[in-house]
């Protein structure tokens, strides 16, 4: 994907849609409020009376995307490309759909085509989201500020804009915005309450403060096996206080340290707050909670005030024999090398840099010139992957997955799939109901091509709340261990695959 960091000159004379329509159009008002469920039928009714309106057309496509109505959005986007080939609002909405599908080159092309004709707020914000995922944080902030300047009434843009404000101003503006747009925050109320309890437990302590940080380290990886010794993952040992070590699956697809409830209880840690967690599986969310351990140790690294997440109930978190899992983002202050061949986790400290309220753009260090850019969405590292030289999507780099998989919706765009009742897939959210087998799929990512005789295919996008981007597939442990090692630079969004 081309990443252009040069400034785009925009006109400040653009009027928001609320100004254009005098705030009287209920369909666009619902769209501006980011109440997309309410907006869709209103926009459909408005378009029935005026099918040649590009603003209404763009708003409907965007609303379908954010309600995850993929097939409807696909049909609408195809028609919009024919009926409104040069309408900047429609080009921006098509860019939003391409972004959601994970086709980042196409998304960038559409956003820039829109801006070249007229600077629309959603096209500018689309570039902001794209740059943020690509770890160009300073540029992402600039485009978000410009998008908000163009349309301060767009709640979807304002939600991100508020996050960039200095703390006193954000604390002033955020509560009334949340009260006016509860549908944008319906999933985060318990998370905020849990954060308060964690802060009270921490008191004045800083979480995950290292006793001996800032040094290069090498930690032994343990083998995670199943059945007759089949290797299905790599793990680390975690010691809470002076207790015996716990076995944790090392999982690039997870975040933080997640333990079984009985493991938390045996360590005599307090349950803090409540939340929901989900992953692979069709049984929905699982209840979770937080805990704080005074001390924990991983290899030679010693941490104080470790925040842990516990999964309620007796169901497994990683495997039957593991106490939990640990996301590699725990070590995101380091450049991380997972050395599969020598069974080592190697950590090299990132160089210090002064605080910058505007953020930093990605920098490729001289010793990382051969690394491949990836997209970061929170803890998830997604790499642009071409399937059968037909379609492009984002695959999750996931050492915690026992197989490499392809999303069933995405698979149908590039290959054939057929039902497979013999396979059983189980994850954090229970067993997968509908499992398919994809016919031969050639994957192209970074500088490598891999031919697969058949990928398991099922719905990988089952999160209960809207996700910024759809996963097209998963590069699991069997695929990743074809490499001698993989190196991850979270700060700059870079990954290096060291082939044997």
Protein backbone atom coordinates (compact mmCIF):
# COMPACT_ATOMS: atom_id res chain seq x y z
CA UNK A 1 0.00 0.00 0.00
CA UNK A 2 1.25 3.46 -0.78
CA UNK A 3 1.51 5.66 2.29
CA UNK A 4 1.64 9.34 1.42
CA UNK A 5 2.64 11.56 4.28
CA UNK A 6 2.60 14.82 2.35
CA UNK A 7 -0.15 17.24 3.34
CA UNK A 8 -3.32 17.51 1.29
CA UNK A 9 -4.59 21.07 0.93
CA UNK A 10 -8.27 21.26 1.66
CA UNK A 11 -10.88 23.97 1.49
CA UNK A 12 -12.39 25.28 4.70
CA UNK A 13 -15.49 26.45 2.81
CA UNK A 14 -17.09 22.99 2.76
CA UNK A 15 -20.49 22.90 4.44
CA UNK A 16 -21.56 19.98 6.61
CA UNK A 17 -24.56 17.94 5.53
CA UNK A 18 -26.43 19.33 8.54
CA UNK A 19 -25.79 22.84 7.16
CA UNK A 20 -26.63 21.78 3.62
CA UNK A 21 -29.99 20.39 4.62
CA UNK A 22 -30.74 22.82 7.41
CA UNK A 23 -30.86 19.99 9.92
CA UNK A 24 -34.35 19.05 8.69
CA UNK A 25 -33.61 15.80 6.86
CA UNK A 26 -34.30 13.00 9.39
CA UNK A 27 -32.44 10.38 7.35
CA UNK A 28 -29.22 12.41 7.20
CA UNK A 29 -29.69 13.52 10.81
CA UNK A 30 -29.68 9.86 11.93
CA UNK A 31 -26.62 9.23 9.75
CA UNK A 32 -24.82 12.25 11.22
CA UNK A 33 -25.59 10.91 14.69
CA UNK A 34 -24.01 7.57 13.72
CA UNK A 35 -27.31 5.87 14.57
CA UNK A 36 -27.00 3.65 11.51
CA UNK A 37 -29.70 1.17 12.48
CA UNK A 38 -32.21 4.01 12.53
CA UNK A 39 -30.70 5.69 9.46
CA UNK A 40 -30.93 2.75 7.03
CA UNK A 41 -34.74 2.57 6.58
CA UNK A 42 -34.99 6.37 6.55
CA UNK A 43 -32.31 6.62 3.87
CA UNK A 44 -33.96 3.88 1.81
CA UNK A 45 -37.27 5.75 1.92
CA UNK A 46 -35.59 9.04 0.99
CA UNK A 47 -33.78 7.42 -1.93
CA UNK A 48 -37.02 5.91 -3.21
CA UNK A 49 -38.15 9.47 -3.86
CA UNK A 50 -34.78 10.75 -5.10
CA UNK A 51 -32.53 8.03 -6.52
CA UNK A 52 -30.07 10.48 -8.05
CA UNK A 53 -28.91 12.02 -4.77
CA UNK A 54 -25.22 11.13 -4.20
CA UNK A 55 -25.23 12.34 -0.57
CA UNK A 56 -28.12 10.03 0.38
CA UNK A 57 -26.58 7.21 -1.66
CA UNK A 58 -23.23 7.55 0.12
CA UNK A 59 -24.88 7.74 3.54
CA UNK A 60 -26.81 4.53 2.88
CA UNK A 61 -23.71 2.61 1.79
CA UNK A 62 -21.78 3.79 4.86
CA UNK A 63 -24.67 2.85 7.14
CA UNK A 64 -24.86 -0.65 5.65
CA UNK A 65 -21.10 -1.06 6.25
CA UNK A 66 -21.28 -0.06 9.91
CA UNK A 67 -24.23 -2.37 10.50
CA UNK A 68 -22.09 -5.14 8.90
CA UNK A 69 -24.65 -5.94 6.22
CA UNK A 70 -21.94 -7.17 3.89
CA UNK A 71 -24.03 -8.60 1.07
CA UNK A 72 -26.30 -5.54 0.92
CA UNK A 73 -23.27 -3.25 0.98
CA UNK A 74 -21.58 -5.26 -1.76
CA UNK A 75 -24.63 -4.96 -4.00
CA UNK A 76 -24.98 -1.24 -3.25
CA UNK A 77 -21.27 -0.52 -3.84
CA UNK A 78 -21.35 -2.24 -7.23
CA UNK A 79 -24.39 -0.22 -8.31
CA UNK A 80 -22.95 3.01 -6.91
CA UNK A 81 -19.73 2.57 -8.90
CA UNK A 82 -21.81 2.56 -12.10
CA UNK A 83 -24.36 5.23 -11.18
CA UNK A 84 -22.05 7.69 -9.37
CA UNK A 85 -18.53 7.11 -10.76
CA UNK A 86 -17.28 10.63 -9.95
CA UNK A 87 -19.36 11.67 -6.93
CA UNK A 88 -16.85 12.39 -4.13
CA UNK A 89 -19.29 11.41 -1.36
CA UNK A 90 -19.92 8.04 -3.02
CA UNK A 91 -16.22 7.47 -3.69
CA UNK A 92 -15.57 8.06 0.02
CA UNK A 93 -18.31 5.61 1.03
CA UNK A 94 -16.93 2.98 -1.33
CA UNK A 95 -13.56 3.59 0.29
CA UNK A 96 -15.11 2.91 3.70
CA UNK A 97 -16.45 -0.40 2.40
CA UNK A 98 -13.07 -1.38 0.91
CA UNK A 99 -11.42 -0.48 4.24
CA UNK A 100 -13.92 -2.65 6.13
CA UNK A 101 -13.22 -5.57 3.79
CA UNK A 102 -9.48 -5.12 4.39
CA UNK A 103 -8.59 -4.11 0.83
CA UNK A 104 -6.36 -1.25 1.92
CA UNK A 105 -4.86 -0.36 -1.49
CA UNK A 106 -8.36 0.02 -2.95
CA UNK A 107 -9.54 2.01 0.08
CA UNK A 108 -6.65 4.46 -0.23
CA UNK A 109 -7.24 4.85 -3.97
CA UNK A 110 -10.94 5.66 -3.45
CA UNK A 111 -10.35 8.09 -0.57
CA UNK A 112 -7.77 9.99 -2.59
CA UNK A 113 -9.96 10.02 -5.71
CA UNK A 114 -12.73 11.60 -3.63
CA UNK A 115 -10.44 14.26 -2.13
CA UNK A 116 -9.04 15.12 -5.55
CA UNK A 117 -12.56 16.11 -6.67
CA UNK A 118 -13.76 17.68 -3.42
CA UNK A 119 -12.59 17.33 0.16
CA UNK A 120 -15.34 15.38 1.88
CA UNK A 121 -15.22 14.71 5.64
CA UNK A 122 -15.63 10.92 5.37
CA UNK A 123 -12.86 10.62 2.79
CA UNK A 124 -10.49 12.60 5.02
CA UNK A 125 -11.54 10.51 8.02
CA UNK A 126 -11.10 7.34 5.98
CA UNK A 127 -7.48 8.30 5.36
CA UNK A 128 -7.13 9.05 9.07
CA UNK A 129 -8.30 5.54 9.98
CA UNK A 130 -6.08 3.99 7.32
CA UNK A 131 -2.98 5.89 8.47
CA UNK A 132 -3.70 5.08 12.11
CA UNK A 133 -3.87 1.36 11.33
CA UNK A 134 -0.59 1.71 9.40
CA UNK A 135 1.09 3.33 12.45
CA UNK A 136 1.31 6.80 10.91
CA UNK A 137 -0.21 8.33 14.03
CA UNK A 138 0.79 11.95 13.44
CA UNK A 139 -0.65 11.95 9.91
CA UNK A 140 -3.77 10.15 11.14
CA UNK A 141 -4.34 12.87 13.71
CA UNK A 142 -3.99 15.59 11.03
CA UNK A 143 -6.61 13.99 8.77
CA UNK A 144 -9.00 13.45 11.71
CA UNK A 145 -8.74 17.11 12.71
CA UNK A 146 -9.41 18.14 9.12
CA UNK A 147 -12.40 15.79 8.86
CA UNK A 148 -13.88 17.27 12.05
CA UNK A 149 -13.28 20.78 10.74
CA UNK A 150 -15.21 19.88 7.58
CA UNK A 151 -18.14 18.33 9.47
CA UNK A 152 -18.21 18.86 13.25
CA UNK A 153 -21.73 17.36 13.37
CA UNK A 154 -20.64 13.87 12.28
CA UNK A 155 -20.70 11.83 15.48
CA UNK A 156 -18.57 9.03 14.03
CA UNK A 157 -15.77 11.51 13.31
CA UNK A 158 -16.29 13.38 16.59
CA UNK A 159 -15.87 10.18 18.61
CA UNK A 160 -12.28 9.85 17.37
CA UNK A 161 -11.67 13.63 17.43
CA UNK A 162 -12.40 13.71 21.18
CA UNK A 163 -9.69 11.14 21.81
CA UNK A 164 -7.09 13.54 20.39
CA UNK A 165 -8.01 16.43 22.68
CA UNK A 166 -5.96 17.33 25.78
CA UNK A 167 -7.30 15.62 28.90
CA UNK A 168 -9.04 18.65 30.51
CA UNK A 169 -10.92 19.47 27.30
CA UNK A 170 -11.79 15.83 26.64
CA UNK A 171 -13.14 15.42 30.18
CA UNK A 172 -15.33 18.45 29.60
CA UNK A 173 -16.75 17.41 26.21
CA UNK A 174 -16.90 13.62 26.44
CA UNK A 175 -19.71 13.09 29.04
CA UNK A 176 -22.36 15.12 27.17
CA UNK A 177 -21.33 13.48 23.89
CA UNK A 178 -21.69 10.00 25.40
CA UNK A 179 -25.08 10.94 26.85
CA UNK A 180 -26.25 12.16 23.43
CA UNK A 181 -24.93 9.10 21.56
CA UNK A 182 -25.34 6.11 23.90
CA UNK A 183 -25.40 3.62 20.99
CA UNK A 184 -21.74 4.44 20.30
CA UNK A 185 -20.76 3.49 23.86
CA UNK A 186 -23.17 0.69 24.74
CA UNK A 187 -20.35 -1.88 24.87
CA UNK A 188 -17.93 0.17 26.97
CA UNK A 189 -19.86 1.01 30.14
CA UNK A 190 -18.65 -2.05 32.06
CA UNK A 191 -15.12 -1.54 30.73
CA UNK A 192 -15.05 1.96 32.21
CA UNK A 193 -16.38 0.69 35.55
CA UNK A 194 -13.74 -2.06 35.58
CA UNK A 195 -11.02 0.51 34.83
CA UNK A 196 -12.08 2.45 37.92
CA UNK A 197 -11.78 -0.66 40.12
CA UNK A 198 -8.37 -1.47 38.64
CA UNK A 199 -7.19 2.09 39.32
CA UNK A 200 -8.34 1.80 42.93
CA UNK A 201 -6.50 -1.52 43.35
CA UNK A 202 -3.34 -0.08 41.80
CA UNK A 203 -3.53 3.02 43.99
CA UNK A 204 -0.38 4.97 43.02
CA UNK A 205 1.44 2.03 41.42
CA UNK A 206 2.23 1.94 37.72
CA UNK A 207 1.03 -1.24 36.00
CA UNK A 208 3.64 -3.65 34.62
CA UNK A 209 6.54 -1.64 35.99
CA UNK A 210 9.75 -3.58 35.33
CA UNK A 211 12.42 -4.09 37.93
CA UNK A 212 15.08 -4.77 35.32
CA UNK A 213 13.73 -3.29 32.09
CA UNK A 214 15.71 -1.71 29.29
CA UNK A 215 17.97 -4.70 28.66
CA UNK A 216 18.07 -7.29 25.92
CA UNK A 217 16.59 -10.56 27.10
CA UNK A 218 16.12 -14.10 25.87
CA UNK A 219 13.38 -16.21 27.43
CA UNK A 220 12.99 -19.94 26.94
CA UNK A 221 9.90 -21.03 25.03
CA UNK A 222 8.15 -24.18 26.19
CA UNK A 223 6.43 -26.61 23.82
CA UNK A 224 2.65 -26.81 23.82
CA UNK A 225 1.58 -30.25 22.63
CA UNK A 226 -1.59 -32.31 22.18
CA UNK A 227 -2.39 -35.99 21.99
CA UNK A 228 0.66 -38.04 21.15
CA UNK A 229 3.04 -35.12 21.41
CA UNK A 230 1.87 -33.12 18.38
CA UNK A 231 3.32 -29.60 18.64
CA UNK A 232 0.53 -27.03 18.41
CA UNK A 233 2.08 -23.93 19.95
CA UNK A 234 4.85 -22.23 21.90
CA UNK A 235 4.46 -20.99 25.44
CA UNK A 236 5.99 -19.12 28.36
CA UNK A 237 6.10 -19.77 32.07
CA UNK A 238 4.64 -17.09 34.34
CA UNK A 239 5.25 -17.03 38.07
CA UNK A 240 2.88 -15.02 40.28
CA UNK A 241 4.73 -14.12 43.49
CA UNK A 242 6.46 -17.17 44.88
CA UNK A 243 3.93 -19.65 43.48
CA UNK A 244 4.79 -22.42 41.04
CA UNK A 245 5.06 -21.41 37.37
CA UNK A 246 1.98 -21.30 35.17
CA UNK A 247 2.00 -22.52 31.57
CA UNK A 248 0.77 -19.88 29.14
CA UNK A 249 0.27 -20.16 25.38
CA UNK A 250 2.20 -17.41 23.54
CA UNK A 251 -0.45 -15.82 21.36
CA UNK A 252 0.19 -12.99 18.89
CA UNK A 253 -3.57 -12.88 18.30
CA UNK A 254 -4.42 -12.11 21.94
CA UNK A 255 -3.88 -9.19 24.29
CA UNK A 256 -2.46 -9.13 27.79
CA UNK A 257 -2.40 -12.07 30.17
CA UNK A 258 -5.58 -14.15 30.33
CA UNK A 259 -5.98 -16.85 32.98
CA UNK A 260 -8.61 -19.38 34.00
CA UNK A 261 -10.82 -18.34 36.91
CA UNK A 262 -9.54 -21.16 39.16
CA UNK A 263 -5.96 -20.04 38.48
CA UNK A 264 -6.81 -16.50 39.64
CA UNK A 265 -8.52 -17.89 42.74
CA UNK A 266 -5.59 -20.15 43.64
CA UNK A 267 -3.36 -17.08 43.54
CA UNK A 268 -5.80 -15.43 46.02
CA UNK A 269 -6.34 -12.37 43.83
CA UNK A 270 -9.40 -10.14 44.01
CA UNK A 271 -11.92 -10.15 41.18
CA UNK A 272 -12.24 -6.61 39.80
CA UNK A 273 -15.15 -5.40 37.68
CA UNK A 274 -16.81 -7.43 34.97
CA UNK A 275 -16.59 -7.59 31.23
CA UNK A 276 -17.09 -9.77 28.20
CA UNK A 277 -14.60 -11.61 26.04
CA UNK A 278 -15.06 -13.46 22.80
CA UNK A 279 -13.07 -15.29 20.16
CA UNK A 280 -13.45 -18.23 17.84
CA UNK A 281 -16.73 -20.09 18.40
CA UNK A 282 -20.50 -19.61 18.16
CA UNK A 283 -21.54 -19.56 21.81
CA UNK A 284 -21.20 -15.81 22.11
CA UNK A 285 -19.38 -13.87 24.77
CA UNK A 286 -17.87 -15.17 27.99
CA UNK A 287 -17.89 -13.30 31.26
CA UNK A 288 -14.55 -11.98 32.34
CA UNK A 289 -13.02 -9.90 35.12
CA UNK A 290 -9.71 -8.31 36.03
CA UNK A 291 -7.17 -8.91 38.78
CA UNK A 292 -3.93 -7.31 39.91
CA UNK A 293 -0.92 -9.34 41.08
CA UNK A 294 1.70 -7.53 43.18
CA UNK A 295 4.56 -9.34 41.45
CA UNK A 296 5.00 -11.64 38.49
CA UNK A 297 7.98 -12.99 36.61
CA UNK A 298 8.51 -14.21 33.04
CA UNK A 299 11.97 -15.61 32.50
CA UNK A 300 14.41 -13.00 33.77
CA UNK A 301 11.83 -10.19 33.57
CA UNK A 302 10.21 -9.13 36.83
CA UNK A 303 7.07 -6.98 36.87
CA UNK A 304 5.25 -5.15 39.63
CA UNK A 305 1.49 -4.54 39.67
CA UNK A 306 0.57 -6.96 36.87
CA UNK A 307 -2.93 -6.54 35.45
CA UNK A 308 -4.44 -9.93 34.59
CA UNK A 309 -7.73 -10.89 32.99
CA UNK A 310 -9.69 -13.86 34.25
CA UNK A 311 -12.23 -15.87 32.26
CA UNK A 312 -15.24 -16.83 34.32
CA UNK A 313 -16.40 -20.43 34.49
CA UNK A 314 -14.65 -23.73 33.99
CA UNK A 315 -14.22 -23.65 30.22
CA UNK A 316 -10.67 -23.60 28.93
CA UNK A 317 -8.85 -20.43 27.90
CA UNK A 318 -6.06 -21.87 25.77
CA UNK A 319 -5.88 -25.65 26.00
CA UNK A 320 -6.74 -28.38 28.45
CA UNK A 321 -3.24 -28.39 29.95
CA UNK A 322 -2.53 -24.66 29.95
CA UNK A 323 -3.37 -22.12 32.65
CA UNK A 324 -4.03 -19.36 30.14
CA UNK A 325 -2.41 -17.36 27.39
CA UNK A 326 -0.18 -14.32 27.01
CA UNK A 327 -0.32 -11.86 24.13
CA UNK A 328 2.95 -10.67 22.66
CA UNK A 329 1.71 -7.09 23.13
CA UNK A 330 2.78 -7.49 26.77
CA UNK A 331 6.29 -6.92 25.39
CA UNK A 332 5.34 -4.18 22.91
CA UNK A 333 8.03 -1.84 24.29
CA UNK A 334 10.54 -4.23 22.76
CA UNK A 335 11.31 -5.47 19.27
CA UNK A 336 10.18 -9.07 19.69
CA UNK A 337 11.65 -12.11 17.95
CA UNK A 338 9.89 -15.45 18.31
CA UNK A 339 12.70 -17.85 17.46
CA UNK A 340 10.90 -21.11 16.67
CA UNK A 341 14.06 -22.94 15.70
CA UNK A 342 15.95 -22.28 18.93
CA UNK A 343 12.84 -22.01 21.13
CA UNK A 344 13.62 -18.53 22.42
CA UNK A 345 11.68 -15.30 22.83
CA UNK A 346 14.21 -12.55 22.17
CA UNK A 347 13.49 -8.99 23.33
CA UNK A 348 15.40 -5.90 22.21
CA UNK A 349 14.42 -2.58 23.87
CA UNK A 350 13.06 0.17 21.63
CA UNK A 351 15.07 3.43 21.70
CA UNK A 352 13.57 6.14 23.88
CA UNK A 353 11.91 9.13 22.25
CA UNK A 354 10.55 12.33 23.80
CA UNK A 355 6.81 12.67 24.39
CA UNK A 356 4.94 14.18 21.45
CA UNK A 357 1.23 15.02 21.90
CA UNK A 358 0.73 14.88 18.13
CA UNK A 359 2.07 11.33 17.94
CA UNK A 360 4.72 9.80 15.72
CA UNK A 361 4.64 8.42 12.21
CA UNK A 362 6.10 5.05 11.36
CA UNK A 363 9.87 5.02 11.06
CA UNK A 364 11.67 2.10 9.46
CA UNK A 365 14.95 1.65 11.33
CA UNK A 366 17.99 0.79 9.17
CA UNK A 367 18.15 -2.72 10.62
CA UNK A 368 14.46 -3.30 9.74
CA UNK A 369 14.68 -2.38 6.05
CA UNK A 370 13.54 -5.88 5.03
CA UNK A 371 10.51 -5.88 7.34
CA UNK A 372 6.94 -5.97 5.98
CA UNK A 373 4.43 -3.28 7.04
CA UNK A 374 1.32 -4.62 8.76
CA UNK A 375 -1.85 -2.98 10.03
CA UNK A 376 -2.51 -2.66 13.76
CA UNK A 377 -6.01 -2.69 15.18
CA UNK A 378 -5.43 -2.61 18.91
CA UNK A 379 -3.37 -5.70 19.71
CA UNK A 380 -4.15 -7.42 16.41
CA UNK A 381 -1.49 -7.52 13.68
CA UNK A 382 -3.09 -7.97 10.26
CA UNK A 383 -1.08 -8.47 7.08
CA UNK A 384 -2.31 -7.79 3.57
CA UNK A 385 -2.70 -11.17 1.86
CA UNK A 386 -3.67 -12.06 -1.69
CA UNK A 387 -5.60 -15.29 -2.25
CA UNK A 388 -5.36 -17.12 -5.58
CA UNK A 389 -4.23 -13.86 -7.19
CA UNK A 390 -7.87 -12.75 -7.14
CA UNK A 391 -8.77 -11.05 -3.88
CA UNK A 392 -6.89 -9.14 -1.20
CA UNK A 393 -7.76 -9.11 2.50
CA UNK A 394 -6.19 -8.93 5.93
CA UNK A 395 -4.98 -12.10 7.65
CA UNK A 396 -4.32 -12.17 11.40
CA UNK A 397 -0.83 -13.22 12.48
CA UNK A 398 -1.81 -15.69 15.20
CA UNK A 399 0.66 -18.02 16.91
CA UNK A 400 -2.17 -19.13 19.17
CA UNK A 401 -4.18 -20.69 16.33
CA UNK A 402 -3.71 -24.41 15.73
CA UNK A 403 -4.49 -24.06 12.02
CA UNK A 404 -4.54 -21.49 9.24
CA UNK A 405 -8.10 -20.55 8.33
CA UNK A 406 -10.04 -18.40 5.90
CA UNK A 407 -13.25 -16.51 6.56
CA UNK A 408 -16.17 -18.22 4.83
CA UNK A 409 -17.51 -14.99 3.30
CA UNK A 410 -14.09 -13.99 1.97
CA UNK A 411 -13.35 -17.52 0.73
CA UNK A 412 -16.32 -17.48 -1.63
CA UNK A 413 -14.79 -14.50 -3.44
CA UNK A 414 -11.63 -16.38 -4.40
CA UNK A 415 -12.27 -20.13 -4.27
CA UNK A 416 -14.94 -22.78 -3.73
CA UNK A 417 -16.03 -24.03 -0.32
CA UNK A 418 -17.92 -27.13 0.70
CA UNK A 419 -19.30 -28.36 4.00
CA UNK A 420 -17.06 -30.49 6.19
CA UNK A 421 -18.83 -32.23 9.08
CA UNK A 422 -15.70 -34.12 10.10
CA UNK A 423 -13.84 -31.10 11.42
CA UNK A 424 -14.30 -29.67 14.89
CA UNK A 425 -13.16 -26.14 15.63
CA UNK A 426 -13.25 -24.84 19.17
CA UNK A 427 -12.10 -21.53 20.62
CA UNK A 428 -12.68 -19.11 23.47
CA UNK A 429 -16.35 -18.76 22.45
CA UNK A 430 -16.99 -22.48 22.21
CA UNK A 431 -17.43 -24.74 19.20
CA UNK A 432 -17.96 -23.50 15.65
CA UNK A 433 -21.25 -24.73 14.22
CA UNK A 434 -20.71 -24.41 10.47
CA UNK A 435 -17.29 -25.54 9.26
CA UNK A 436 -16.34 -25.65 5.60
CA UNK A 437 -13.34 -26.74 3.59
CA UNK A 438 -11.94 -24.30 1.06
CA UNK A 439 -10.55 -25.69 -2.17
CA UNK A 440 -6.90 -25.06 -2.99
CA UNK A 441 -5.87 -21.56 -2.00
CA UNK A 442 -2.54 -19.92 -2.76
CA UNK A 443 -1.65 -17.28 -0.18
CA UNK A 444 0.71 -14.43 -1.02
CA UNK A 445 1.94 -12.30 1.89
CA UNK A 446 5.17 -10.37 2.46
CA UNK A 447 7.59 -11.88 -0.08
CA UNK A 448 6.22 -15.41 0.16
CA UNK A 449 3.69 -17.60 -1.58
CA UNK A 450 2.26 -20.67 0.04
CA UNK A 451 -0.02 -23.19 -1.63
CA UNK A 452 -2.54 -24.94 0.60
CA UNK A 453 -4.41 -28.06 -0.40
CA UNK A 454 -7.32 -26.89 1.71
CA UNK A 455 -7.95 -24.27 4.36
CA UNK A 456 -10.59 -24.63 7.02
CA UNK A 457 -13.27 -22.04 6.42
CA UNK A 458 -15.78 -20.59 8.88
CA UNK A 459 -17.07 -17.26 10.13
CA UNK A 460 -14.11 -15.42 11.62
CA UNK A 461 -16.04 -12.20 12.19
CA UNK A 462 -18.45 -13.08 14.97
CA UNK A 463 -17.71 -10.26 17.41
CA UNK A 464 -20.84 -8.96 19.18
CA UNK A 465 -19.93 -5.37 18.38
CA UNK A 466 -18.80 -3.64 15.21
CA UNK A 467 -15.18 -4.23 14.27
CA UNK A 468 -13.27 -1.65 12.23
CA UNK A 469 -12.16 -4.21 9.70
CA UNK A 470 -13.07 -7.77 8.74
CA UNK A 471 -10.53 -10.54 9.06
CA UNK A 472 -10.10 -12.40 5.78
CA UNK A 473 -8.17 -15.21 7.42
CA UNK A 474 -5.67 -16.40 10.00
CA UNK A 475 -2.03 -17.33 9.57
CA UNK A 476 -1.81 -19.88 12.35
CA UNK A 477 1.01 -21.68 14.13
CA UNK A 478 1.59 -24.36 11.42
CA UNK A 479 2.12 -21.68 8.76
CA UNK A 480 4.22 -19.38 10.95
CA UNK A 481 6.56 -22.20 12.01
CA UNK A 482 7.54 -22.68 8.37
CA UNK A 483 9.77 -19.72 9.19
CA UNK A 484 12.85 -19.90 11.37
CA UNK A 485 11.56 -16.92 13.34
CA UNK A 486 9.27 -13.92 13.12
CA UNK A 487 10.21 -10.48 14.46
CA UNK A 488 7.58 -7.93 15.49
CA UNK A 489 8.00 -4.18 15.90
CA UNK A 490 4.70 -3.04 17.43
CA UNK A 491 5.75 0.62 17.57
CA UNK A 492 6.21 0.92 13.81
CA UNK A 493 3.83 -1.80 12.66
CA UNK A 494 6.52 -3.97 11.05
CA UNK A 495 7.04 -7.74 10.89
CA UNK A 496 9.92 -9.78 9.53
CA UNK A 497 9.51 -13.39 8.41
CA UNK A 498 12.87 -15.15 8.55
CA UNK A 499 12.60 -18.10 6.17
CA UNK A 500 14.59 -21.24 6.92
